[in-house]
Amino acid sequence: MEVPSNIGTAVILTTLAGLSTTIGSVTACFIKKPKIVYLCFSLGLSAGVMIYISFVELLPQAAQRASEPAAVAGFFIGMAFMGLIDLLIPEQQNPHNYRGFEGVPAAGANSQLMKTGLLTTLAIGIHNLPEGLATFAAAVTDLKLGVFTAIAIAIHNIPEGIAVSVPILYATGNKRKALFYSFLSGITEPIGACIGFLLLLPFLSSWLIAVLMAFVAGIMVYISVDELLPMAHWYGHSHTVIAGIFAGMLIMALSLLML
């Protein structure tokens, strides 16, 4: 099969989505009391976009281009793949368990904080590898879907950037170091996309791309229900979260109708 022509654009979108972790790091370093209500709305928005894309666009297209059994299999393999990654990451370093600034020790705390920050960087870096592949695959398949997937992943990466930078910032007092490790955790997304693409390139076909779309849908639904929504509701503002989900789905619906 001919290599898709929009690979460069897909790599750029994936890189931008991954490096949005630095936005979270900047928030942690320079904004002492961010508005939690904005975070809740943004997490809900991201979940709404990803859930809508998965069930309205990716899965139906996968079933049409491959077959319904293949699409269903790809979807659940994607969910199981993300679940396996979560099981392999120690609970304390899992980005899903990050709960914000509450209870952070004072600046200059012991080396345990630094260790926590480094382990969190590694955990989120591993966690971002399949997300990078998901963004890349969506962009290669359909650039419009790729843009919205990148935006949703970028929003979801912001609190992960906070999770990396806060312990390192409080352990060292060094904002540059906190930003650097946040950057490292995000750059794994385009790396994961490139590795995945190179591995799949010899086998690339219309059928495989369709199954990959279903696989991506499984990843995004898992991220939404296991990470984004629990984290958003943990902060409270449940109605704000629902408003974000509604807004994300509405934006996607209108954009798909208009574009």
C-alpha atoms as a PDB file:
ATOM      1  CA  MET A   1       0.000   0.000   0.000  1.00  0.00           C
ATOM      2  CA  GLU A   2       1.225   3.535  -0.784  1.00  0.00           C
ATOM      3  CA  VAL A   3       2.623   5.416   2.212  1.00  0.00           C
ATOM      4  CA  PRO A   4       0.166   8.145   3.358  1.00  0.00           C
ATOM      5  CA  SER A   5       1.133  11.644   2.206  1.00  0.00           C
ATOM      6  CA  ASN A   6       0.246  13.486   5.416  1.00  0.00           C
ATOM      7  CA  ILE A   7       2.808  11.772   7.673  1.00  0.00           C
ATOM      8  CA  GLY A   8       4.629  15.049   8.329  1.00  0.00           C
ATOM      9  CA  THR A   9       1.437  16.741   9.511  1.00  0.00           C
ATOM     10  CA  ALA A  10       0.604  13.734  11.695  1.00  0.00           C
ATOM     11  CA  VAL A  11       4.041  13.923  13.349  1.00  0.00           C
ATOM     12  CA  ILE A  12       3.616  17.669  14.008  1.00  0.00           C
ATOM     13  CA  LEU A  13       0.163  17.164  15.570  1.00  0.00           C
ATOM     14  CA  THR A  14       1.432  14.307  17.722  1.00  0.00           C
ATOM     15  CA  THR A  15       4.420  16.359  18.886  1.00  0.00           C
ATOM     16  CA  LEU A  16       2.261  19.349  19.800  1.00  0.00           C
ATOM     17  CA  ALA A  17      -0.139  17.107  21.718  1.00  0.00           C
ATOM     18  CA  GLY A  18       2.697  15.446  23.620  1.00  0.00           C
ATOM     19  CA  LEU A  19       4.511  18.646  24.512  1.00  0.00           C
ATOM     20  CA  SER A  20       1.386  20.144  26.050  1.00  0.00           C
ATOM     21  CA  THR A  21       2.733  18.559  29.238  1.00  0.00           C
ATOM     22  CA  THR A  22       4.919  21.658  29.416  1.00  0.00           C
ATOM     23  CA  ILE A  23       1.766  23.779  29.742  1.00  0.00           C
ATOM     24  CA  GLY A  24       0.968  21.883  32.915  1.00  0.00           C
ATOM     25  CA  SER A  25       4.534  22.341  34.095  1.00  0.00           C
ATOM     26  CA  VAL A  26       4.398  26.102  33.500  1.00  0.00           C
ATOM     27  CA  THR A  27       1.105  26.203  35.412  1.00  0.00           C
ATOM     28  CA  ALA A  28       2.690  24.431  38.357  1.00  0.00           C
ATOM     29  CA  CYS A  29       5.816  26.596  38.293  1.00  0.00           C
ATOM     30  CA  PHE A  30       4.335  30.051  37.813  1.00  0.00           C
ATOM     31  CA  ILE A  31       0.664  29.955  38.846  1.00  0.00           C
ATOM     32  CA  LYS A  32       0.345  29.199  42.557  1.00  0.00           C
ATOM     33  CA  LYS A  33      -3.439  28.771  42.671  1.00  0.00           C
ATOM     34  CA  PRO A  34      -4.868  27.726  39.282  1.00  0.00           C
ATOM     35  CA  LYS A  35      -8.645  27.765  38.919  1.00  0.00           C
ATOM     36  CA  ILE A  36      -9.680  24.157  39.537  1.00  0.00           C
ATOM     37  CA  VAL A  37     -13.050  24.757  37.883  1.00  0.00           C
ATOM     38  CA  TYR A  38     -11.260  25.444  34.576  1.00  0.00           C
ATOM     39  CA  LEU A  39      -9.353  22.179  34.910  1.00  0.00           C
ATOM     40  CA  CYS A  40     -12.584  20.248  35.577  1.00  0.00           C
ATOM     41  CA  PHE A  41     -14.267  21.751  32.523  1.00  0.00           C
ATOM     42  CA  SER A  42     -11.220  21.080  30.324  1.00  0.00           C
ATOM     43  CA  LEU A  43     -10.956  17.449  31.416  1.00  0.00           C
ATOM     44  CA  GLY A  44     -14.664  16.949  30.721  1.00  0.00           C
ATOM     45  CA  LEU A  45     -14.263  18.648  27.336  1.00  0.00           C
ATOM     46  CA  SER A  46     -11.383  16.364  26.415  1.00  0.00           C
ATOM     47  CA  ALA A  47     -13.347  13.255  27.457  1.00  0.00           C
ATOM     48  CA  GLY A  48     -16.390  14.398  25.476  1.00  0.00           C
ATOM     49  CA  VAL A  49     -14.314  14.901  22.335  1.00  0.00           C
ATOM     50  CA  MET A  50     -12.574  11.536  22.599  1.00  0.00           C
ATOM     51  CA  ILE A  51     -15.699   9.534  23.437  1.00  0.00           C
ATOM     52  CA  TYR A  52     -17.672  11.144  20.605  1.00  0.00           C
ATOM     53  CA  ILE A  53     -14.858  10.599  18.085  1.00  0.00           C
ATOM     54  CA  SER A  54     -14.509   6.987  19.148  1.00  0.00           C
ATOM     55  CA  PHE A  55     -18.152   5.922  18.914  1.00  0.00           C
ATOM     56  CA  VAL A  56     -19.413   8.178  16.114  1.00  0.00           C
ATOM     57  CA  GLU A  57     -16.428   8.278  13.754  1.00  0.00           C
ATOM     58  CA  LEU A  58     -13.637   5.796  14.408  1.00  0.00           C
ATOM     59  CA  LEU A  59     -15.613   2.633  15.217  1.00  0.00           C
ATOM     60  CA  PRO A  60     -18.221   3.023  12.428  1.00  0.00           C
ATOM     61  CA  GLN A  61     -15.480   3.763   9.868  1.00  0.00           C
ATOM     62  CA  ALA A  62     -13.457   0.787  11.075  1.00  0.00           C
ATOM     63  CA  ALA A  63     -16.471  -1.522  10.783  1.00  0.00           C
ATOM     64  CA  GLN A  64     -17.196  -0.226   7.286  1.00  0.00           C
ATOM     65  CA  ARG A  65     -13.631  -0.471   5.966  1.00  0.00           C
ATOM     66  CA  ALA A  66     -12.726  -3.810   7.596  1.00  0.00           C
ATOM     67  CA  SER A  67     -15.597  -5.714   9.218  1.00  0.00           C
ATOM     68  CA  GLU A  68     -17.659  -5.363  12.354  1.00  0.00           C
ATOM     69  CA  PRO A  69     -15.953  -8.298  14.155  1.00  0.00           C
ATOM     70  CA  ALA A  70     -12.521  -6.887  13.299  1.00  0.00           C
ATOM     71  CA  ALA A  71     -13.531  -3.433  14.536  1.00  0.00           C
ATOM     72  CA  VAL A  72     -14.915  -4.818  17.795  1.00  0.00           C
ATOM     73  CA  ALA A  73     -11.765  -6.892  18.326  1.00  0.00           C
ATOM     74  CA  GLY A  74      -9.521  -3.888  17.634  1.00  0.00           C
ATOM     75  CA  PHE A  75     -11.533  -1.721  20.053  1.00  0.00           C
ATOM     76  CA  PHE A  76     -11.271  -4.113  22.988  1.00  0.00           C
ATOM     77  CA  ILE A  77      -7.628  -4.893  22.266  1.00  0.00           C
ATOM     78  CA  GLY A  78      -6.976  -1.151  22.487  1.00  0.00           C
ATOM     79  CA  MET A  79      -8.709  -0.950  25.872  1.00  0.00           C
ATOM     80  CA  ALA A  80      -6.888  -4.054  27.124  1.00  0.00           C
ATOM     81  CA  PHE A  81      -3.565  -2.638  25.941  1.00  0.00           C
ATOM     82  CA  MET A  82      -4.026   0.546  27.969  1.00  0.00           C
ATOM     83  CA  GLY A  83      -5.203  -1.506  30.944  1.00  0.00           C
ATOM     84  CA  LEU A  84      -2.050  -3.628  30.775  1.00  0.00           C
ATOM     85  CA  ILE A  85       0.127  -0.505  30.770  1.00  0.00           C
ATOM     86  CA  ASP A  86      -1.706   0.740  33.858  1.00  0.00           C
ATOM     87  CA  LEU A  87      -1.137  -2.587  35.619  1.00  0.00           C
ATOM     88  CA  LEU A  88       2.586  -2.442  34.876  1.00  0.00           C
ATOM     89  CA  ILE A  89       2.973   1.064  36.336  1.00  0.00           C
ATOM     90  CA  PRO A  90       3.304   1.229  40.153  1.00  0.00           C
ATOM     91  CA  GLU A  91       0.167   2.756  41.655  1.00  0.00           C
ATOM     92  CA  GLN A  92       1.953   5.626  43.382  1.00  0.00           C
ATOM     93  CA  GLN A  93       3.598   6.728  40.112  1.00  0.00           C
ATOM     94  CA  ASN A  94       0.515   6.215  37.971  1.00  0.00           C
ATOM     95  CA  PRO A  95      -0.588   9.569  36.487  1.00  0.00           C
ATOM     96  CA  HIS A  96      -4.192   8.493  37.004  1.00  0.00           C
ATOM     97  CA  ASN A  97      -3.672   8.819  40.740  1.00  0.00           C
ATOM     98  CA  TYR A  98      -2.425  12.411  40.665  1.00  0.00           C
ATOM     99  CA  ARG A  99      -4.689  14.637  42.735  1.00  0.00           C
ATOM    100  CA  GLY A 100      -3.252  18.117  42.447  1.00  0.00           C
ATOM    101  CA  PHE A 101      -1.478  20.418  44.872  1.00  0.00           C
ATOM    102  CA  GLU A 102      -3.104  19.242  48.082  1.00  0.00           C
ATOM    103  CA  GLY A 103      -0.636  18.014  50.676  1.00  0.00           C
ATOM    104  CA  VAL A 104       2.536  18.936  48.754  1.00  0.00           C
ATOM    105  CA  PRO A 105       5.476  19.290  51.169  1.00  0.00           C
ATOM    106  CA  ALA A 106       7.360  22.533  51.551  1.00  0.00           C
ATOM    107  CA  ALA A 107      10.153  23.476  49.180  1.00  0.00           C
ATOM    108  CA  GLY A 108      13.468  21.737  49.827  1.00  0.00           C
ATOM    109  CA  ALA A 109      11.931  18.400  50.892  1.00  0.00           C
ATOM    110  CA  ASN A 110      14.063  15.259  50.922  1.00  0.00           C
ATOM    111  CA  SER A 111      15.287  13.223  47.973  1.00  0.00           C
ATOM    112  CA  GLN A 112      12.165  11.030  48.064  1.00  0.00           C
ATOM    113  CA  LEU A 113      10.283  13.810  46.306  1.00  0.00           C
ATOM    114  CA  MET A 114      12.863  13.867  43.528  1.00  0.00           C
ATOM    115  CA  LYS A 115      12.598  10.091  43.195  1.00  0.00           C
ATOM    116  CA  THR A 116       8.826  10.406  42.962  1.00  0.00           C
ATOM    117  CA  GLY A 117       9.167  13.037  40.246  1.00  0.00           C
ATOM    118  CA  LEU A 118      11.570  10.900  38.219  1.00  0.00           C
ATOM    119  CA  LEU A 119       9.382   7.794  38.533  1.00  0.00           C
ATOM    120  CA  THR A 120       6.341   9.837  37.534  1.00  0.00           C
ATOM    121  CA  THR A 121       8.242  11.119  34.492  1.00  0.00           C
ATOM    122  CA  LEU A 122       9.040   7.540  33.485  1.00  0.00           C
ATOM    123  CA  ALA A 123       5.485   6.330  34.133  1.00  0.00           C
ATOM    124  CA  ILE A 124       3.873   9.120  32.128  1.00  0.00           C
ATOM    125  CA  GLY A 125       6.440   8.699  29.368  1.00  0.00           C
ATOM    126  CA  ILE A 126       5.488   5.018  29.024  1.00  0.00           C
ATOM    127  CA  HIS A 127       1.808   5.911  29.279  1.00  0.00           C
ATOM    128  CA  ASN A 128       2.172   8.468  26.457  1.00  0.00           C
ATOM    129  CA  LEU A 129       3.645   6.030  23.933  1.00  0.00           C
ATOM    130  CA  PRO A 130       0.302   4.495  22.832  1.00  0.00           C
ATOM    131  CA  GLU A 131      -1.358   7.922  23.036  1.00  0.00           C
ATOM    132  CA  GLY A 132       1.161   9.156  20.489  1.00  0.00           C
ATOM    133  CA  LEU A 133       0.332   6.237  18.221  1.00  0.00           C
ATOM    134  CA  ALA A 134      -3.373   6.991  18.638  1.00  0.00           C
ATOM    135  CA  THR A 135      -2.968  10.643  17.645  1.00  0.00           C
ATOM    136  CA  PHE A 136      -0.702   9.741  14.749  1.00  0.00           C
ATOM    137  CA  ALA A 137      -2.998   7.027  13.418  1.00  0.00           C
ATOM    138  CA  ALA A 138      -6.048   9.290  13.615  1.00  0.00           C
ATOM    139  CA  ALA A 139      -4.222  12.059  11.717  1.00  0.00           C
ATOM    140  CA  VAL A 140      -2.934   9.714   9.014  1.00  0.00           C
ATOM    141  CA  THR A 141      -6.389   8.217   8.547  1.00  0.00           C
ATOM    142  CA  ASP A 142      -8.333  11.478   8.588  1.00  0.00           C
ATOM    143  CA  LEU A 143      -6.594  14.823   9.150  1.00  0.00           C
ATOM    144  CA  LYS A 144      -9.756  16.374  10.597  1.00  0.00           C
ATOM    145  CA  LEU A 145     -10.040  13.606  13.179  1.00  0.00           C
ATOM    146  CA  GLY A 146      -6.334  13.922  13.840  1.00  0.00           C
ATOM    147  CA  VAL A 147      -6.662  17.605  14.727  1.00  0.00           C
ATOM    148  CA  PHE A 148      -9.458  16.990  17.224  1.00  0.00           C
ATOM    149  CA  THR A 149      -7.700  13.954  18.669  1.00  0.00           C
ATOM    150  CA  ALA A 150      -4.528  16.018  19.140  1.00  0.00           C
ATOM    151  CA  ILE A 151      -6.492  18.763  20.903  1.00  0.00           C
ATOM    152  CA  ALA A 152      -8.182  16.264  23.213  1.00  0.00           C
ATOM    153  CA  ILE A 153      -4.896  14.503  24.041  1.00  0.00           C
ATOM    154  CA  ALA A 154      -3.213  17.877  24.590  1.00  0.00           C
ATOM    155  CA  ILE A 155      -5.852  18.934  27.131  1.00  0.00           C
ATOM    156  CA  HIS A 156      -5.510  15.618  28.916  1.00  0.00           C
ATOM    157  CA  ASN A 157      -1.694  15.944  29.025  1.00  0.00           C
ATOM    158  CA  ILE A 158      -1.765  19.241  30.931  1.00  0.00           C
ATOM    159  CA  PRO A 159      -2.446  17.712  34.389  1.00  0.00           C
ATOM    160  CA  GLU A 160       0.153  15.047  33.621  1.00  0.00           C
ATOM    161  CA  GLY A 161       2.694  17.838  33.157  1.00  0.00           C
ATOM    162  CA  ILE A 162       1.702  19.144  36.584  1.00  0.00           C
ATOM    163  CA  ALA A 163       2.137  15.650  38.045  1.00  0.00           C
ATOM    164  CA  VAL A 164       5.713  15.506  36.762  1.00  0.00           C
ATOM    165  CA  SER A 165       6.819  19.014  37.656  1.00  0.00           C
ATOM    166  CA  VAL A 166       5.355  19.501  41.153  1.00  0.00           C
ATOM    167  CA  PRO A 167       7.487  16.933  43.044  1.00  0.00           C
ATOM    168  CA  ILE A 168      10.655  17.913  41.139  1.00  0.00           C
ATOM    169  CA  LEU A 169      10.001  21.613  41.714  1.00  0.00           C
ATOM    170  CA  TYR A 170       9.458  21.133  45.431  1.00  0.00           C
ATOM    171  CA  ALA A 171      12.458  18.782  45.749  1.00  0.00           C
ATOM    172  CA  THR A 172      14.941  21.019  43.939  1.00  0.00           C
ATOM    173  CA  GLY A 173      13.398  24.495  43.768  1.00  0.00           C
ATOM    174  CA  ASN A 174      14.586  24.518  40.139  1.00  0.00           C
ATOM    175  CA  LYS A 175      11.895  25.559  37.638  1.00  0.00           C
ATOM    176  CA  ARG A 176      14.086  24.751  34.632  1.00  0.00           C
ATOM    177  CA  LYS A 177      14.608  21.197  35.836  1.00  0.00           C
ATOM    178  CA  ALA A 178      10.863  20.758  36.405  1.00  0.00           C
ATOM    179  CA  LEU A 179      10.142  22.039  32.889  1.00  0.00           C
ATOM    180  CA  PHE A 180      12.834  19.788  31.418  1.00  0.00           C
ATOM    181  CA  TYR A 181      11.439  16.580  32.922  1.00  0.00           C
ATOM    182  CA  SER A 182       7.934  17.588  31.894  1.00  0.00           C
ATOM    183  CA  PHE A 183       9.263  17.989  28.350  1.00  0.00           C
ATOM    184  CA  LEU A 184      10.843  14.525  28.498  1.00  0.00           C
ATOM    185  CA  SER A 185       7.552  12.921  29.558  1.00  0.00           C
ATOM    186  CA  GLY A 186       5.727  14.543  26.628  1.00  0.00           C
ATOM    187  CA  ILE A 187       8.265  13.917  23.865  1.00  0.00           C
ATOM    188  CA  THR A 188       7.581  10.181  24.132  1.00  0.00           C
ATOM    189  CA  GLU A 189       4.299  10.716  22.246  1.00  0.00           C
ATOM    190  CA  PRO A 190       5.881  11.508  18.848  1.00  0.00           C
ATOM    191  CA  ILE A 191       8.547   8.867  19.569  1.00  0.00           C
ATOM    192  CA  GLY A 192       5.812   6.293  20.176  1.00  0.00           C
ATOM    193  CA  ALA A 193       4.063   7.384  16.985  1.00  0.00           C
ATOM    194  CA  CYS A 194       7.203   6.985  14.877  1.00  0.00           C
ATOM    195  CA  ILE A 195       8.119   3.611  16.391  1.00  0.00           C
ATOM    196  CA  GLY A 196       4.593   2.301  15.904  1.00  0.00           C
ATOM    197  CA  PHE A 197       4.447   3.520  12.319  1.00  0.00           C
ATOM    198  CA  LEU A 198       7.823   2.020  11.408  1.00  0.00           C
ATOM    199  CA  LEU A 199       6.804  -1.330  12.894  1.00  0.00           C
ATOM    200  CA  LEU A 200       3.491  -1.331  11.042  1.00  0.00           C
ATOM    201  CA  LEU A 201       4.773   0.106   7.731  1.00  0.00           C
ATOM    202  CA  PRO A 202       5.674  -3.278   6.144  1.00  0.00           C
ATOM    203  CA  PHE A 203       2.146  -4.558   6.863  1.00  0.00           C
ATOM    204  CA  LEU A 204       0.223  -1.373   6.089  1.00  0.00           C
ATOM    205  CA  SER A 205      -3.058  -1.955   4.262  1.00  0.00           C
ATOM    206  CA  SER A 206      -6.561  -0.516   4.161  1.00  0.00           C
ATOM    207  CA  TRP A 207      -7.752  -3.333   6.436  1.00  0.00           C
ATOM    208  CA  LEU A 208      -4.972  -2.769   8.966  1.00  0.00           C
ATOM    209  CA  ILE A 209      -5.596   0.999   9.052  1.00  0.00           C
ATOM    210  CA  ALA A 210      -9.285   0.329   9.713  1.00  0.00           C
ATOM    211  CA  VAL A 211      -8.481  -2.030  12.604  1.00  0.00           C
ATOM    212  CA  LEU A 212      -5.986   0.513  13.906  1.00  0.00           C
ATOM    213  CA  MET A 213      -8.777   3.100  13.986  1.00  0.00           C
ATOM    214  CA  ALA A 214     -10.812   0.788  16.227  1.00  0.00           C
ATOM    215  CA  PHE A 215      -7.708   0.198  18.365  1.00  0.00           C
ATOM    216  CA  VAL A 216      -7.306   3.973  18.744  1.00  0.00           C
ATOM    217  CA  ALA A 217     -10.972   4.258  19.742  1.00  0.00           C
ATOM    218  CA  GLY A 218     -10.391   1.703  22.510  1.00  0.00           C
ATOM    219  CA  ILE A 219      -7.389   3.656  23.787  1.00  0.00           C
ATOM    220  CA  MET A 220      -9.306   6.943  23.854  1.00  0.00           C
ATOM    221  CA  VAL A 221     -12.369   5.502  25.596  1.00  0.00           C
ATOM    222  CA  TYR A 222     -10.133   3.881  28.219  1.00  0.00           C
ATOM    223  CA  ILE A 223      -8.308   7.183  28.834  1.00  0.00           C
ATOM    224  CA  SER A 224     -11.637   8.987  29.174  1.00  0.00           C
ATOM    225  CA  VAL A 225     -13.348   6.627  31.608  1.00  0.00           C
ATOM    226  CA  ASP A 226     -10.301   5.550  33.610  1.00  0.00           C
ATOM    227  CA  GLU A 227      -8.381   8.815  33.832  1.00  0.00           C
ATOM    228  CA  LEU A 228     -10.087  12.009  32.709  1.00  0.00           C
ATOM    229  CA  LEU A 229     -13.534  11.647  34.244  1.00  0.00           C
ATOM    230  CA  PRO A 230     -12.456  10.200  37.624  1.00  0.00           C
ATOM    231  CA  MET A 231      -9.824  12.932  37.967  1.00  0.00           C
ATOM    232  CA  ALA A 232     -12.276  15.664  37.003  1.00  0.00           C
ATOM    233  CA  HIS A 233     -14.928  14.459  39.460  1.00  0.00           C
ATOM    234  CA  TRP A 234     -12.358  14.104  42.249  1.00  0.00           C
ATOM    235  CA  TYR A 235     -11.960  17.887  42.251  1.00  0.00           C
ATOM    236  CA  GLY A 236     -15.711  18.376  42.616  1.00  0.00           C
ATOM    237  CA  HIS A 237     -17.689  20.684  40.299  1.00  0.00           C
ATOM    238  CA  SER A 238     -19.567  17.690  38.859  1.00  0.00           C
ATOM    239  CA  HIS A 239     -21.963  19.852  36.862  1.00  0.00           C
ATOM    240  CA  THR A 240     -18.983  21.669  35.346  1.00  0.00           C
ATOM    241  CA  VAL A 241     -17.570  18.318  34.258  1.00  0.00           C
ATOM    242  CA  ILE A 242     -20.870  17.362  32.618  1.00  0.00           C
ATOM    243  CA  ALA A 243     -20.964  20.757  30.899  1.00  0.00           C
ATOM    244  CA  GLY A 244     -17.460  20.083  29.576  1.00  0.00           C
ATOM    245  CA  ILE A 245     -18.471  16.651  28.252  1.00  0.00           C
ATOM    246  CA  PHE A 246     -21.549  18.141  26.596  1.00  0.00           C
ATOM    247  CA  ALA A 247     -19.509  20.971  25.073  1.00  0.00           C
ATOM    248  CA  GLY A 248     -16.856  18.562  23.781  1.00  0.00           C
ATOM    249  CA  MET A 249     -19.408  16.312  22.117  1.00  0.00           C
ATOM    250  CA  LEU A 250     -21.354  19.261  20.703  1.00  0.00           C
ATOM    251  CA  ILE A 251     -18.223  20.833  19.247  1.00  0.00           C
ATOM    252  CA  MET A 252     -17.278  17.551  17.615  1.00  0.00           C
ATOM    253  CA  ALA A 253     -20.803  16.981  16.275  1.00  0.00           C
ATOM    254  CA  LEU A 254     -21.051  20.454  14.754  1.00  0.00           C
ATOM    255  CA  SER A 255     -17.550  20.307  13.307  1.00  0.00           C
ATOM    256  CA  LEU A 256     -18.220  16.957  11.641  1.00  0.00           C
ATOM    257  CA  LEU A 257     -21.452  18.296  10.169  1.00  0.00           C
ATOM    258  CA  MET A 258     -19.851  21.489   8.883  1.00  0.00           C
ATOM    259  CA  LEU A 259     -16.450  20.239   7.654  1.00  0.00           C
END
